[in-house]
Amino acid sequence: MKSRLFVSFGLLILLAPGLGLAQTTGDAKAGKAKYDALCVGCHGATGKGDGAAAAALTPKPGDFTNCKEMAKLSDDFLYKIVKDGGQGVKKSPMMPPWGASLNEQGLHNMVAYVKSFCKRGR
């Protein structure tokens, strides 16, 4: 009985990090619709940071097609900046928070779409 308890406890410890903590995967196609509605004005339709409002912004919006720079940004960072805005990650306060406009899945979808700019053409 004792050995079963230890084995069960050991399995629980090994599996515990994955229980209930699985990261939600975003759907880039679903993220595109929200990106087009919320982000195109600054980041542009092609993600280069060249939207209609970009000319008036300092600093300029991020270029999602700069894959070298995008590779430095974790999913968690992208999630947080979309949710909490630039101020939430000590970046430009010009980047608005979208956490009130997007639910949990919507935030993950947006991250997936933003990341997709660097997956195209590869």
PDB file of N, CA and C in Angstrom:
ATOM      1  N   MET A   1       0.828  -1.200   0.000  1.00  0.00           N
ATOM      2  CA  MET A   1       0.000   0.000   0.000  1.00  0.00           C
ATOM      3  C   MET A   1       0.868   1.258   0.000  1.00  0.00           C
ATOM      4  N   LYS A   2       1.913   1.247   0.839  1.00  0.00           N
ATOM      5  CA  LYS A   2       2.798   2.399   0.925  1.00  0.00           C
ATOM      6  C   LYS A   2       3.488   2.667  -0.411  1.00  0.00           C
ATOM      7  N   SER A   3       3.936   1.597  -1.071  1.00  0.00           N
ATOM      8  CA  SER A   3       4.647   1.793  -2.339  1.00  0.00           C
ATOM      9  C   SER A   3       3.704   2.347  -3.410  1.00  0.00           C
ATOM     10  N   ARG A   4       2.436   1.919  -3.385  1.00  0.00           N
ATOM     11  CA  ARG A   4       1.463   2.474  -4.333  1.00  0.00           C
ATOM     12  C   ARG A   4       1.261   3.968  -4.096  1.00  0.00           C
ATOM     13  N   LEU A   5       1.223   4.350  -2.849  1.00  0.00           N
ATOM     14  CA  LEU A   5       1.041   5.745  -2.499  1.00  0.00           C
ATOM     15  C   LEU A   5       2.223   6.568  -3.005  1.00  0.00           C
ATOM     16  N   PHE A   6       3.438   6.052  -2.815  1.00  0.00           N
ATOM     17  CA  PHE A   6       4.622   6.766  -3.287  1.00  0.00           C
ATOM     18  C   PHE A   6       4.647   6.859  -4.809  1.00  0.00           C
ATOM     19  N   VAL A   7       4.258   5.782  -5.487  1.00  0.00           N
ATOM     20  CA  VAL A   7       4.221   5.789  -6.949  1.00  0.00           C
ATOM     21  C   VAL A   7       3.176   6.789  -7.431  1.00  0.00           C
ATOM     22  N   SER A   8       2.006   6.766  -6.817  1.00  0.00           N
ATOM     23  CA  SER A   8       0.948   7.701  -7.198  1.00  0.00           C
ATOM     24  C   SER A   8       1.376   9.140  -6.948  1.00  0.00           C
ATOM     25  N   PHE A   9       1.997   9.378  -5.797  1.00  0.00           N
ATOM     26  CA  PHE A   9       2.460  10.713  -5.463  1.00  0.00           C
ATOM     27  C   PHE A   9       3.545  11.160  -6.448  1.00  0.00           C
ATOM     28  N   GLY A  10       4.446  10.257  -6.809  1.00  0.00           N
ATOM     29  CA  GLY A  10       5.503  10.556  -7.771  1.00  0.00           C
ATOM     30  C   GLY A  10       4.942  10.906  -9.133  1.00  0.00           C
ATOM     31  N   LEU A  11       3.941  10.159  -9.592  1.00  0.00           N
ATOM     32  CA  LEU A  11       3.315  10.462 -10.880  1.00  0.00           C
ATOM     33  C   LEU A  11       2.619  11.811 -10.844  1.00  0.00           C
ATOM     34  N   LEU A  12       1.974  12.101  -9.729  1.00  0.00           N
ATOM     35  CA  LEU A  12       1.295  13.381  -9.590  1.00  0.00           C
ATOM     36  C   LEU A  12       2.291  14.533  -9.691  1.00  0.00           C
ATOM     37  N   ILE A  13       3.441  14.396  -9.048  1.00  0.00           N
ATOM     38  CA  ILE A  13       4.461  15.444  -9.108  1.00  0.00           C
ATOM     39  C   ILE A  13       4.980  15.605 -10.532  1.00  0.00           C
ATOM     40  N   LEU A  14       5.192  14.499 -11.230  1.00  0.00           N
ATOM     41  CA  LEU A  14       5.682  14.574 -12.607  1.00  0.00           C
ATOM     42  C   LEU A  14       4.661  15.198 -13.549  1.00  0.00           C
ATOM     43  N   LEU A  15       3.401  14.908 -13.319  1.00  0.00           N
ATOM     44  CA  LEU A  15       2.351  15.396 -14.204  1.00  0.00           C
ATOM     45  C   LEU A  15       1.793  16.750 -13.799  1.00  0.00           C
ATOM     46  N   ALA A  16       1.988  17.149 -12.558  1.00  0.00           N
ATOM     47  CA  ALA A  16       1.381  18.373 -12.032  1.00  0.00           C
ATOM     48  C   ALA A  16       1.680  19.625 -12.848  1.00  0.00           C
ATOM     49  N   PRO A  17       2.903  19.824 -13.330  1.00  0.00           N
ATOM     50  CA  PRO A  17       3.124  21.055 -14.092  1.00  0.00           C
ATOM     51  C   PRO A  17       2.217  21.194 -15.310  1.00  0.00           C
ATOM     52  N   GLY A  18       1.783  20.110 -15.882  1.00  0.00           N
ATOM     53  CA  GLY A  18       0.925  20.184 -17.054  1.00  0.00           C
ATOM     54  C   GLY A  18      -0.552  20.198 -16.751  1.00  0.00           C
ATOM     55  N   LEU A  19      -0.932  19.919 -15.532  1.00  0.00           N
ATOM     56  CA  LEU A  19      -2.343  19.861 -15.176  1.00  0.00           C
ATOM     57  C   LEU A  19      -2.913  21.259 -15.019  1.00  0.00           C
ATOM     58  N   GLY A  20      -3.858  21.595 -15.864  1.00  0.00           N
ATOM     59  CA  GLY A  20      -4.521  22.873 -15.754  1.00  0.00           C
ATOM     60  C   GLY A  20      -3.675  24.069 -16.162  1.00  0.00           C
ATOM     61  N   LEU A  21      -2.459  23.829 -16.582  1.00  0.00           N
ATOM     62  CA  LEU A  21      -1.591  24.929 -16.934  1.00  0.00           C
ATOM     63  C   LEU A  21      -1.234  24.938 -18.418  1.00  0.00           C
ATOM     64  N   ALA A  22      -1.906  24.121 -19.178  1.00  0.00           N
ATOM     65  CA  ALA A  22      -1.605  24.069 -20.604  1.00  0.00           C
ATOM     66  C   ALA A  22      -1.916  25.420 -21.233  1.00  0.00           C
ATOM     67  N   GLN A  23      -0.985  25.915 -22.035  1.00  0.00           N
ATOM     68  CA  GLN A  23      -1.180  27.207 -22.681  1.00  0.00           C
ATOM     69  C   GLN A  23      -2.176  27.051 -23.807  1.00  0.00           C
ATOM     70  N   THR A  24      -3.094  27.983 -23.858  1.00  0.00           N
ATOM     71  CA  THR A  24      -4.085  27.986 -24.920  1.00  0.00           C
ATOM     72  C   THR A  24      -3.401  28.324 -26.231  1.00  0.00           C
ATOM     73  N   THR A  25      -3.724  27.582 -27.251  1.00  0.00           N
ATOM     74  CA  THR A  25      -3.176  27.855 -28.564  1.00  0.00           C
ATOM     75  C   THR A  25      -4.105  28.799 -29.293  1.00  0.00           C
ATOM     76  N   GLY A  26      -3.521  29.794 -29.905  1.00  0.00           N
ATOM     77  CA  GLY A  26      -4.319  30.759 -30.630  1.00  0.00           C
ATOM     78  C   GLY A  26      -4.564  30.321 -32.064  1.00  0.00           C
ATOM     79  N   ASP A  27      -5.602  30.861 -32.635  1.00  0.00           N
ATOM     80  CA  ASP A  27      -5.982  30.610 -34.019  1.00  0.00           C
ATOM     81  C   ASP A  27      -5.688  31.886 -34.809  1.00  0.00           C
ATOM     82  N   ALA A  28      -4.645  31.832 -35.633  1.00  0.00           N
ATOM     83  CA  ALA A  28      -4.222  33.013 -36.386  1.00  0.00           C
ATOM     84  C   ALA A  28      -5.327  33.545 -37.292  1.00  0.00           C
ATOM     85  N   LYS A  29      -6.121  32.658 -37.879  1.00  0.00           N
ATOM     86  CA  LYS A  29      -7.201  33.118 -38.764  1.00  0.00           C
ATOM     87  C   LYS A  29      -8.230  33.928 -37.987  1.00  0.00           C
ATOM     88  N   ALA A  30      -8.571  33.462 -36.799  1.00  0.00           N
ATOM     89  CA  ALA A  30      -9.514  34.204 -35.954  1.00  0.00           C
ATOM     90  C   ALA A  30      -8.881  35.507 -35.475  1.00  0.00           C
ATOM     91  N   GLY A  31      -7.579  35.485 -35.221  1.00  0.00           N
ATOM     92  CA  GLY A  31      -6.871  36.677 -34.778  1.00  0.00           C
ATOM     93  C   GLY A  31      -6.827  37.758 -35.838  1.00  0.00           C
ATOM     94  N   LYS A  32      -6.814  37.366 -37.112  1.00  0.00           N
ATOM     95  CA  LYS A  32      -6.743  38.332 -38.216  1.00  0.00           C
ATOM     96  C   LYS A  32      -7.930  39.290 -38.193  1.00  0.00           C
ATOM     97  N   ALA A  33      -9.112  38.785 -37.951  1.00  0.00           N
ATOM     98  CA  ALA A  33     -10.304  39.639 -37.942  1.00  0.00           C
ATOM     99  C   ALA A  33     -10.183  40.726 -36.867  1.00  0.00           C
ATOM    100  N   LYS A  34      -9.718  40.371 -35.700  1.00  0.00           N
ATOM    101  CA  LYS A  34      -9.555  41.350 -34.617  1.00  0.00           C
ATOM    102  C   LYS A  34      -8.385  42.285 -34.916  1.00  0.00           C
ATOM    103  N   TYR A  35      -7.313  41.742 -35.489  1.00  0.00           N
ATOM    104  CA  TYR A  35      -6.171  42.570 -35.876  1.00  0.00           C
ATOM    105  C   TYR A  35      -6.630  43.634 -36.877  1.00  0.00           C
ATOM    106  N   ASP A  36      -7.398  43.215 -37.873  1.00  0.00           N
ATOM    107  CA  ASP A  36      -7.884  44.150 -38.887  1.00  0.00           C
ATOM    108  C   ASP A  36      -8.734  45.254 -38.260  1.00  0.00           C
ATOM    109  N   ALA A  37      -9.480  44.922 -37.217  1.00  0.00           N
ATOM    110  CA  ALA A  37     -10.347  45.905 -36.560  1.00  0.00           C
ATOM    111  C   ALA A  37      -9.595  46.795 -35.567  1.00  0.00           C
ATOM    112  N   LEU A  38      -8.592  46.236 -34.885  1.00  0.00           N
ATOM    113  CA  LEU A  38      -7.964  46.961 -33.782  1.00  0.00           C
ATOM    114  C   LEU A  38      -6.542  47.466 -34.046  1.00  0.00           C
ATOM    115  N   CYS A  39      -5.817  46.826 -34.937  1.00  0.00           N
ATOM    116  CA  CYS A  39      -4.376  47.063 -35.028  1.00  0.00           C
ATOM    117  C   CYS A  39      -3.878  47.658 -36.340  1.00  0.00           C
ATOM    118  N   VAL A  40      -4.638  47.467 -37.412  1.00  0.00           N
ATOM    119  CA  VAL A  40      -4.200  47.900 -38.739  1.00  0.00           C
ATOM    120  C   VAL A  40      -3.883  49.390 -38.780  1.00  0.00           C
ATOM    121  N   GLY A  41      -4.621  50.199 -38.067  1.00  0.00           N
ATOM    122  CA  GLY A  41      -4.409  51.640 -38.103  1.00  0.00           C
ATOM    123  C   GLY A  41      -2.992  52.055 -37.756  1.00  0.00           C
ATOM    124  N   CYS A  42      -2.353  51.325 -36.858  1.00  0.00           N
ATOM    125  CA  CYS A  42      -0.979  51.648 -36.455  1.00  0.00           C
ATOM    126  C   CYS A  42       0.043  50.674 -37.051  1.00  0.00           C
ATOM    127  N   HIS A  43      -0.231  49.385 -36.947  1.00  0.00           N
ATOM    128  CA  HIS A  43       0.740  48.376 -37.381  1.00  0.00           C
ATOM    129  C   HIS A  43       0.656  48.066 -38.867  1.00  0.00           C
ATOM    130  N   GLY A  44      -0.410  48.479 -39.537  1.00  0.00           N
ATOM    131  CA  GLY A  44      -0.544  48.258 -40.975  1.00  0.00           C
ATOM    132  C   GLY A  44      -1.059  46.880 -41.320  1.00  0.00           C
ATOM    133  N   ALA A  45      -1.622  46.762 -42.501  1.00  0.00           N
ATOM    134  CA  ALA A  45      -2.216  45.500 -42.946  1.00  0.00           C
ATOM    135  C   ALA A  45      -1.172  44.399 -43.106  1.00  0.00           C
ATOM    136  N   THR A  46       0.063  44.788 -43.407  1.00  0.00           N
ATOM    137  CA  THR A  46       1.112  43.779 -43.591  1.00  0.00           C
ATOM    138  C   THR A  46       1.994  43.632 -42.356  1.00  0.00           C
ATOM    139  N   GLY A  47       1.648  44.332 -41.264  1.00  0.00           N
ATOM    140  CA  GLY A  47       2.368  44.178 -40.004  1.00  0.00           C
ATOM    141  C   GLY A  47       3.706  44.890 -39.936  1.00  0.00           C
ATOM    142  N   LYS A  48       3.988  45.782 -40.893  1.00  0.00           N
ATOM    143  CA  LYS A  48       5.288  46.456 -40.946  1.00  0.00           C
ATOM    144  C   LYS A  48       5.384  47.682 -40.032  1.00  0.00           C
ATOM    145  N   GLY A  49       4.291  48.017 -39.332  1.00  0.00           N
ATOM    146  CA  GLY A  49       4.301  49.196 -38.479  1.00  0.00           C
ATOM    147  C   GLY A  49       4.075  50.472 -39.274  1.00  0.00           C
ATOM    148  N   ASP A  50       3.419  50.319 -40.426  1.00  0.00           N
ATOM    149  CA  ASP A  50       3.241  51.448 -41.340  1.00  0.00           C
ATOM    150  C   ASP A  50       1.771  51.791 -41.591  1.00  0.00           C
ATOM    151  N   GLY A  51       0.951  51.610 -40.571  1.00  0.00           N
ATOM    152  CA  GLY A  51      -0.465  51.947 -40.710  1.00  0.00           C
ATOM    153  C   GLY A  51      -0.657  53.444 -40.862  1.00  0.00           C
ATOM    154  N   ALA A  52      -1.865  53.871 -41.193  1.00  0.00           N
ATOM    155  CA  ALA A  52      -2.177  55.280 -41.437  1.00  0.00           C
ATOM    156  C   ALA A  52      -1.809  56.174 -40.252  1.00  0.00           C
ATOM    157  N   ALA A  53      -1.964  55.710 -39.036  1.00  0.00           N
ATOM    158  CA  ALA A  53      -1.666  56.518 -37.855  1.00  0.00           C
ATOM    159  C   ALA A  53      -0.188  56.487 -37.466  1.00  0.00           C
ATOM    160  N   ALA A  54       0.578  55.593 -38.041  1.00  0.00           N
ATOM    161  CA  ALA A  54       1.973  55.398 -37.640  1.00  0.00           C
ATOM    162  C   ALA A  54       2.832  56.644 -37.829  1.00  0.00           C
ATOM    163  N   ALA A  55       2.567  57.413 -38.868  1.00  0.00           N
ATOM    164  CA  ALA A  55       3.389  58.593 -39.150  1.00  0.00           C
ATOM    165  C   ALA A  55       3.378  59.587 -37.988  1.00  0.00           C
ATOM    166  N   ALA A  56       2.284  59.640 -37.259  1.00  0.00           N
ATOM    167  CA  ALA A  56       2.155  60.595 -36.159  1.00  0.00           C
ATOM    168  C   ALA A  56       2.626  60.031 -34.816  1.00  0.00           C
ATOM    169  N   LEU A  57       3.057  58.787 -34.791  1.00  0.00           N
ATOM    170  CA  LEU A  57       3.422  58.152 -33.522  1.00  0.00           C
ATOM    171  C   LEU A  57       4.928  58.135 -33.285  1.00  0.00           C
ATOM    172  N   THR A  58       5.297  58.420 -32.039  1.00  0.00           N
ATOM    173  CA  THR A  58       6.674  58.284 -31.590  1.00  0.00           C
ATOM    174  C   THR A  58       6.623  57.604 -30.236  1.00  0.00           C
ATOM    175  N   PRO A  59       7.225  56.455 -30.070  1.00  0.00           N
ATOM    176  CA  PRO A  59       7.968  55.705 -31.084  1.00  0.00           C
ATOM    177  C   PRO A  59       7.024  55.076 -32.101  1.00  0.00           C
ATOM    178  N   LYS A  60       7.588  54.624 -33.188  1.00  0.00           N
ATOM    179  CA  LYS A  60       6.818  53.984 -34.261  1.00  0.00           C
ATOM    180  C   LYS A  60       6.320  52.617 -33.785  1.00  0.00           C
ATOM    181  N   PRO A  61       5.191  52.173 -34.305  1.00  0.00           N
ATOM    182  CA  PRO A  61       4.671  50.847 -33.957  1.00  0.00           C
ATOM    183  C   PRO A  61       5.657  49.745 -34.366  1.00  0.00           C
ATOM    184  N   GLY A  62       5.589  48.642 -33.655  1.00  0.00           N
ATOM    185  CA  GLY A  62       6.463  47.511 -33.946  1.00  0.00           C
ATOM    186  C   GLY A  62       6.234  46.951 -35.342  1.00  0.00           C
ATOM    187  N   ASP A  63       7.313  46.448 -35.920  1.00  0.00           N
ATOM    188  CA  ASP A  63       7.297  45.808 -37.235  1.00  0.00           C
ATOM    189  C   ASP A  63       7.272  44.295 -37.017  1.00  0.00           C
ATOM    190  N   PHE A  64       6.122  43.694 -37.208  1.00  0.00           N
ATOM    191  CA  PHE A  64       5.969  42.253 -36.973  1.00  0.00           C
ATOM    192  C   PHE A  64       6.648  41.405 -38.039  1.00  0.00           C
ATOM    193  N   THR A  65       7.095  42.037 -39.125  1.00  0.00           N
ATOM    194  CA  THR A  65       7.778  41.287 -40.180  1.00  0.00           C
ATOM    195  C   THR A  65       9.284  41.217 -39.939  1.00  0.00           C
ATOM    196  N   ASN A  66       9.774  41.907 -38.911  1.00  0.00           N
ATOM    197  CA  ASN A  66      11.182  41.846 -38.545  1.00  0.00           C
ATOM    198  C   ASN A  66      11.378  40.589 -37.695  1.00  0.00           C
ATOM    199  N   CYS A  67      11.614  39.498 -38.368  1.00  0.00           N
ATOM    200  CA  CYS A  67      11.625  38.192 -37.704  1.00  0.00           C
ATOM    201  C   CYS A  67      12.761  38.046 -36.693  1.00  0.00           C
ATOM    202  N   LYS A  68      13.857  38.726 -36.928  1.00  0.00           N
ATOM    203  CA  LYS A  68      14.973  38.674 -35.971  1.00  0.00           C
ATOM    204  C   LYS A  68      14.539  39.279 -34.634  1.00  0.00           C
ATOM    205  N   GLU A  69      13.855  40.410 -34.693  1.00  0.00           N
ATOM    206  CA  GLU A  69      13.371  41.058 -33.463  1.00  0.00           C
ATOM    207  C   GLU A  69      12.194  40.300 -32.857  1.00  0.00           C
ATOM    208  N   MET A  70      11.299  39.817 -33.704  1.00  0.00           N
ATOM    209  CA  MET A  70      10.129  39.080 -33.206  1.00  0.00           C
ATOM    210  C   MET A  70      10.538  37.797 -32.479  1.00  0.00           C
ATOM    211  N   ALA A  71      11.633  37.184 -32.922  1.00  0.00           N
ATOM    212  CA  ALA A  71      12.105  35.951 -32.284  1.00  0.00           C
ATOM    213  C   ALA A  71      12.525  36.189 -30.836  1.00  0.00           C
ATOM    214  N   LYS A  72      12.835  37.415 -30.499  1.00  0.00           N
ATOM    215  CA  LYS A  72      13.239  37.764 -29.135  1.00  0.00           C
ATOM    216  C   LYS A  72      12.053  37.913 -28.191  1.00  0.00           C
ATOM    217  N   LEU A  73      10.845  37.976 -28.754  1.00  0.00           N
ATOM    218  CA  LEU A  73       9.645  38.220 -27.950  1.00  0.00           C
ATOM    219  C   LEU A  73       8.905  36.918 -27.671  1.00  0.00           C
ATOM    220  N   SER A  74       8.714  36.618 -26.404  1.00  0.00           N
ATOM    221  CA  SER A  74       7.999  35.395 -26.026  1.00  0.00           C
ATOM    222  C   SER A  74       6.501  35.555 -26.252  1.00  0.00           C
ATOM    223  N   ASP A  75       5.822  34.437 -26.321  1.00  0.00           N
ATOM    224  CA  ASP A  75       4.361  34.460 -26.419  1.00  0.00           C
ATOM    225  C   ASP A  75       3.766  35.198 -25.217  1.00  0.00           C
ATOM    226  N   ASP A  76       4.349  34.968 -24.047  1.00  0.00           N
ATOM    227  CA  ASP A  76       3.842  35.618 -22.835  1.00  0.00           C
ATOM    228  C   ASP A  76       3.970  37.138 -22.934  1.00  0.00           C
ATOM    229  N   PHE A  77       5.091  37.615 -23.472  1.00  0.00           N
ATOM    230  CA  PHE A  77       5.285  39.048 -23.634  1.00  0.00           C
ATOM    231  C   PHE A  77       4.261  39.619 -24.618  1.00  0.00           C
ATOM    232  N   LEU A  78       4.096  38.944 -25.754  1.00  0.00           N
ATOM    233  CA  LEU A  78       3.131  39.410 -26.748  1.00  0.00           C
ATOM    234  C   LEU A  78       1.717  39.423 -26.172  1.00  0.00           C
ATOM    235  N   TYR A  79       1.371  38.383 -25.431  1.00  0.00           N
ATOM    236  CA  TYR A  79       0.057  38.299 -24.784  1.00  0.00           C
ATOM    237  C   TYR A  79      -0.131  39.497 -23.848  1.00  0.00           C
ATOM    238  N   LYS A  80       0.879  39.762 -23.041  1.00  0.00           N
ATOM    239  CA  LYS A  80       0.782  40.835 -22.053  1.00  0.00           C
ATOM    240  C   LYS A  80       0.679  42.204 -22.720  1.00  0.00           C
ATOM    241  N   ILE A  81       1.433  42.429 -23.787  1.00  0.00           N
ATOM    242  CA  ILE A  81       1.370  43.738 -24.427  1.00  0.00           C
ATOM    243  C   ILE A  81       0.030  43.944 -25.135  1.00  0.00           C
ATOM    244  N   VAL A  82      -0.529  42.885 -25.697  1.00  0.00           N
ATOM    245  CA  VAL A  82      -1.859  43.014 -26.310  1.00  0.00           C
ATOM    246  C   VAL A  82      -2.902  43.258 -25.215  1.00  0.00           C
ATOM    247  N   LYS A  83      -2.802  42.517 -24.145  1.00  0.00           N
ATOM    248  CA  LYS A  83      -3.786  42.636 -23.064  1.00  0.00           C
ATOM    249  C   LYS A  83      -3.672  43.949 -22.300  1.00  0.00           C
ATOM    250  N   ASP A  84      -2.451  44.303 -21.887  1.00  0.00           N
ATOM    251  CA  ASP A  84      -2.245  45.436 -20.983  1.00  0.00           C
ATOM    252  C   ASP A  84      -1.715  46.695 -21.664  1.00  0.00           C
ATOM    253  N   GLY A  85      -1.434  46.612 -22.951  1.00  0.00           N
ATOM    254  CA  GLY A  85      -0.906  47.768 -23.669  1.00  0.00           C
ATOM    255  C   GLY A  85       0.575  47.967 -23.421  1.00  0.00           C
ATOM    256  N   GLY A  86       1.123  48.977 -24.060  1.00  0.00           N
ATOM    257  CA  GLY A  86       2.549  49.253 -23.938  1.00  0.00           C
ATOM    258  C   GLY A  86       2.990  49.535 -22.517  1.00  0.00           C
ATOM    259  N   GLN A  87       2.193  50.277 -21.784  1.00  0.00           N
ATOM    260  CA  GLN A  87       2.550  50.593 -20.400  1.00  0.00           C
ATOM    261  C   GLN A  87       2.667  49.342 -19.549  1.00  0.00           C
ATOM    262  N   GLY A  88       1.895  48.313 -19.868  1.00  0.00           N
ATOM    263  CA  GLY A  88       1.913  47.077 -19.093  1.00  0.00           C
ATOM    264  C   GLY A  88       3.234  46.332 -19.162  1.00  0.00           C
ATOM    265  N   VAL A  89       4.050  46.640 -20.178  1.00  0.00           N
ATOM    266  CA  VAL A  89       5.356  45.990 -20.332  1.00  0.00           C
ATOM    267  C   VAL A  89       6.474  47.034 -20.417  1.00  0.00           C
ATOM    268  N   LYS A  90       6.180  48.225 -19.877  1.00  0.00           N
ATOM    269  CA  LYS A  90       7.149  49.323 -19.835  1.00  0.00           C
ATOM    270  C   LYS A  90       7.626  49.740 -21.230  1.00  0.00           C
ATOM    271  N   LYS A  91       6.670  49.754 -22.141  1.00  0.00           N
ATOM    272  CA  LYS A  91       6.919  50.242 -23.504  1.00  0.00           C
ATOM    273  C   LYS A  91       6.028  51.454 -23.726  1.00  0.00           C
ATOM    274  N   SER A  92       5.879  51.860 -24.948  1.00  0.00           N
ATOM    275  CA  SER A  92       5.127  53.071 -25.271  1.00  0.00           C
ATOM    276  C   SER A  92       3.682  53.022 -24.772  1.00  0.00           C
ATOM    277  N   PRO A  93       3.258  54.080 -24.086  1.00  0.00           N
ATOM    278  CA  PRO A  93       1.859  54.169 -23.660  1.00  0.00           C
ATOM    279  C   PRO A  93       0.917  54.408 -24.843  1.00  0.00           C
ATOM    280  N   MET A  94       1.474  54.643 -26.026  1.00  0.00           N
ATOM    281  CA  MET A  94       0.654  54.835 -27.221  1.00  0.00           C
ATOM    282  C   MET A  94      -0.014  53.525 -27.648  1.00  0.00           C
ATOM    283  N   MET A  95       0.580  52.398 -27.261  1.00  0.00           N
ATOM    284  CA  MET A  95      -0.011  51.087 -27.556  1.00  0.00           C
ATOM    285  C   MET A  95      -1.127  50.854 -26.551  1.00  0.00           C
ATOM    286  N   PRO A  96      -2.386  50.860 -27.012  1.00  0.00           N
ATOM    287  CA  PRO A  96      -3.511  50.712 -26.074  1.00  0.00           C
ATOM    288  C   PRO A  96      -3.665  49.276 -25.574  1.00  0.00           C
ATOM    289  N   PRO A  97      -4.253  49.112 -24.399  1.00  0.00           N
ATOM    290  CA  PRO A  97      -4.565  47.776 -23.896  1.00  0.00           C
ATOM    291  C   PRO A  97      -5.844  47.257 -24.548  1.00  0.00           C
ATOM    292  N   TRP A  98      -5.824  46.001 -24.971  1.00  0.00           N
ATOM    293  CA  TRP A  98      -7.007  45.422 -25.605  1.00  0.00           C
ATOM    294  C   TRP A  98      -7.650  44.348 -24.731  1.00  0.00           C
ATOM    295  N   GLY A  99      -7.222  44.239 -23.484  1.00  0.00           N
ATOM    296  CA  GLY A  99      -7.766  43.224 -22.586  1.00  0.00           C
ATOM    297  C   GLY A  99      -9.254  43.359 -22.319  1.00  0.00           C
ATOM    298  N   ALA A 100      -9.782  44.560 -22.387  1.00  0.00           N
ATOM    299  CA  ALA A 100     -11.222  44.757 -22.180  1.00  0.00           C
ATOM    300  C   ALA A 100     -12.017  44.446 -23.444  1.00  0.00           C
ATOM    301  N   SER A 101     -11.337  44.441 -24.585  1.00  0.00           N
ATOM    302  CA  SER A 101     -12.010  44.188 -25.865  1.00  0.00           C
ATOM    303  C   SER A 101     -11.892  42.744 -26.334  1.00  0.00           C
ATOM    304  N   LEU A 102     -10.887  42.045 -25.823  1.00  0.00           N
ATOM    305  CA  LEU A 102     -10.637  40.662 -26.245  1.00  0.00           C
ATOM    306  C   LEU A 102     -10.712  39.730 -25.042  1.00  0.00           C
ATOM    307  N   ASN A 103     -11.389  38.613 -25.215  1.00  0.00           N
ATOM    308  CA  ASN A 103     -11.403  37.615 -24.145  1.00  0.00           C
ATOM    309  C   ASN A 103     -10.099  36.817 -24.192  1.00  0.00           C
ATOM    310  N   GLU A 104      -9.956  35.880 -23.302  1.00  0.00           N
ATOM    311  CA  GLU A 104      -8.733  35.062 -23.200  1.00  0.00           C
ATOM    312  C   GLU A 104      -8.365  34.437 -24.538  1.00  0.00           C
ATOM    313  N   GLN A 105      -9.318  33.788 -25.177  1.00  0.00           N
ATOM    314  CA  GLN A 105      -9.046  33.145 -26.460  1.00  0.00           C
ATOM    315  C   GLN A 105      -8.713  34.183 -27.522  1.00  0.00           C
ATOM    316  N   GLY A 106      -9.407  35.312 -27.501  1.00  0.00           N
ATOM    317  CA  GLY A 106      -9.134  36.379 -28.452  1.00  0.00           C
ATOM    318  C   GLY A 106      -7.717  36.917 -28.326  1.00  0.00           C
ATOM    319  N   LEU A 107      -7.221  37.015 -27.106  1.00  0.00           N
ATOM    320  CA  LEU A 107      -5.841  37.447 -26.878  1.00  0.00           C
ATOM    321  C   LEU A 107      -4.857  36.437 -27.466  1.00  0.00           C
ATOM    322  N   HIS A 108      -5.113  35.155 -27.235  1.00  0.00           N
ATOM    323  CA  HIS A 108      -4.240  34.112 -27.797  1.00  0.00           C
ATOM    324  C   HIS A 108      -4.314  34.108 -29.324  1.00  0.00           C
ATOM    325  N   ASN A 109      -5.495  34.348 -29.866  1.00  0.00           N
ATOM    326  CA  ASN A 109      -5.646  34.411 -31.322  1.00  0.00           C
ATOM    327  C   ASN A 109      -4.832  35.570 -31.898  1.00  0.00           C
ATOM    328  N   MET A 110      -4.863  36.698 -31.215  1.00  0.00           N
ATOM    329  CA  MET A 110      -4.105  37.861 -31.674  1.00  0.00           C
ATOM    330  C   MET A 110      -2.608  37.568 -31.667  1.00  0.00           C
ATOM    331  N   VAL A 111      -2.128  36.949 -30.607  1.00  0.00           N
ATOM    332  CA  VAL A 111      -0.708  36.588 -30.533  1.00  0.00           C
ATOM    333  C   VAL A 111      -0.349  35.666 -31.701  1.00  0.00           C
ATOM    334  N   ALA A 112      -1.189  34.683 -31.958  1.00  0.00           N
ATOM    335  CA  ALA A 112      -0.924  33.750 -33.065  1.00  0.00           C
ATOM    336  C   ALA A 112      -0.874  34.487 -34.393  1.00  0.00           C
ATOM    337  N   TYR A 113      -1.770  35.446 -34.593  1.00  0.00           N
ATOM    338  CA  TYR A 113      -1.774  36.180 -35.860  1.00  0.00           C
ATOM    339  C   TYR A 113      -0.541  37.066 -35.987  1.00  0.00           C
ATOM    340  N   VAL A 114      -0.192  37.772 -34.928  1.00  0.00           N
ATOM    341  CA  VAL A 114       0.991  38.636 -34.953  1.00  0.00           C
ATOM    342  C   VAL A 114       2.235  37.801 -35.258  1.00  0.00           C
ATOM    343  N   LYS A 115       2.326  36.638 -34.645  1.00  0.00           N
ATOM    344  CA  LYS A 115       3.477  35.761 -34.900  1.00  0.00           C
ATOM    345  C   LYS A 115       3.475  35.220 -36.329  1.00  0.00           C
ATOM    346  N   SER A 116       2.315  35.139 -36.941  1.00  0.00           N
ATOM    347  CA  SER A 116       2.215  34.565 -38.292  1.00  0.00           C
ATOM    348  C   SER A 116       2.905  35.430 -39.351  1.00  0.00           C
ATOM    349  N   PHE A 117       3.138  36.707 -39.060  1.00  0.00           N
ATOM    350  CA  PHE A 117       3.826  37.552 -40.033  1.00  0.00           C
ATOM    351  C   PHE A 117       5.234  37.023 -40.334  1.00  0.00           C
ATOM    352  N   CYS A 118       5.843  36.385 -39.356  1.00  0.00           N
ATOM    353  CA  CYS A 118       7.183  35.837 -39.561  1.00  0.00           C
ATOM    354  C   CYS A 118       7.164  34.403 -40.062  1.00  0.00           C
ATOM    355  N   LYS A 119       6.023  33.790 -40.099  1.00  0.00           N
ATOM    356  CA  LYS A 119       5.931  32.408 -40.587  1.00  0.00           C
ATOM    357  C   LYS A 119       5.606  32.371 -42.061  1.00  0.00           C
ATOM    358  N   ARG A 120       5.189  33.474 -42.623  1.00  0.00           N
ATOM    359  CA  ARG A 120       4.816  33.534 -44.036  1.00  0.00           C
ATOM    360  C   ARG A 120       6.058  33.497 -44.917  1.00  0.00           C
ATOM    361  N   GLY A 121       5.967  32.785 -45.993  1.00  0.00           N
ATOM    362  CA  GLY A 121       7.043  32.755 -46.964  1.00  0.00           C
ATOM    363  C   GLY A 121       8.244  31.935 -46.534  1.00  0.00           C
ATOM    364  N   ARG A 122       8.105  31.158 -45.509  1.00  0.00           N
ATOM    365  CA  ARG A 122       9.223  30.317 -45.053  1.00  0.00           C
ATOM    366  C   ARG A 122       8.996  28.904 -45.459  1.00  0.00           C
TER     367      ARG A 122
END
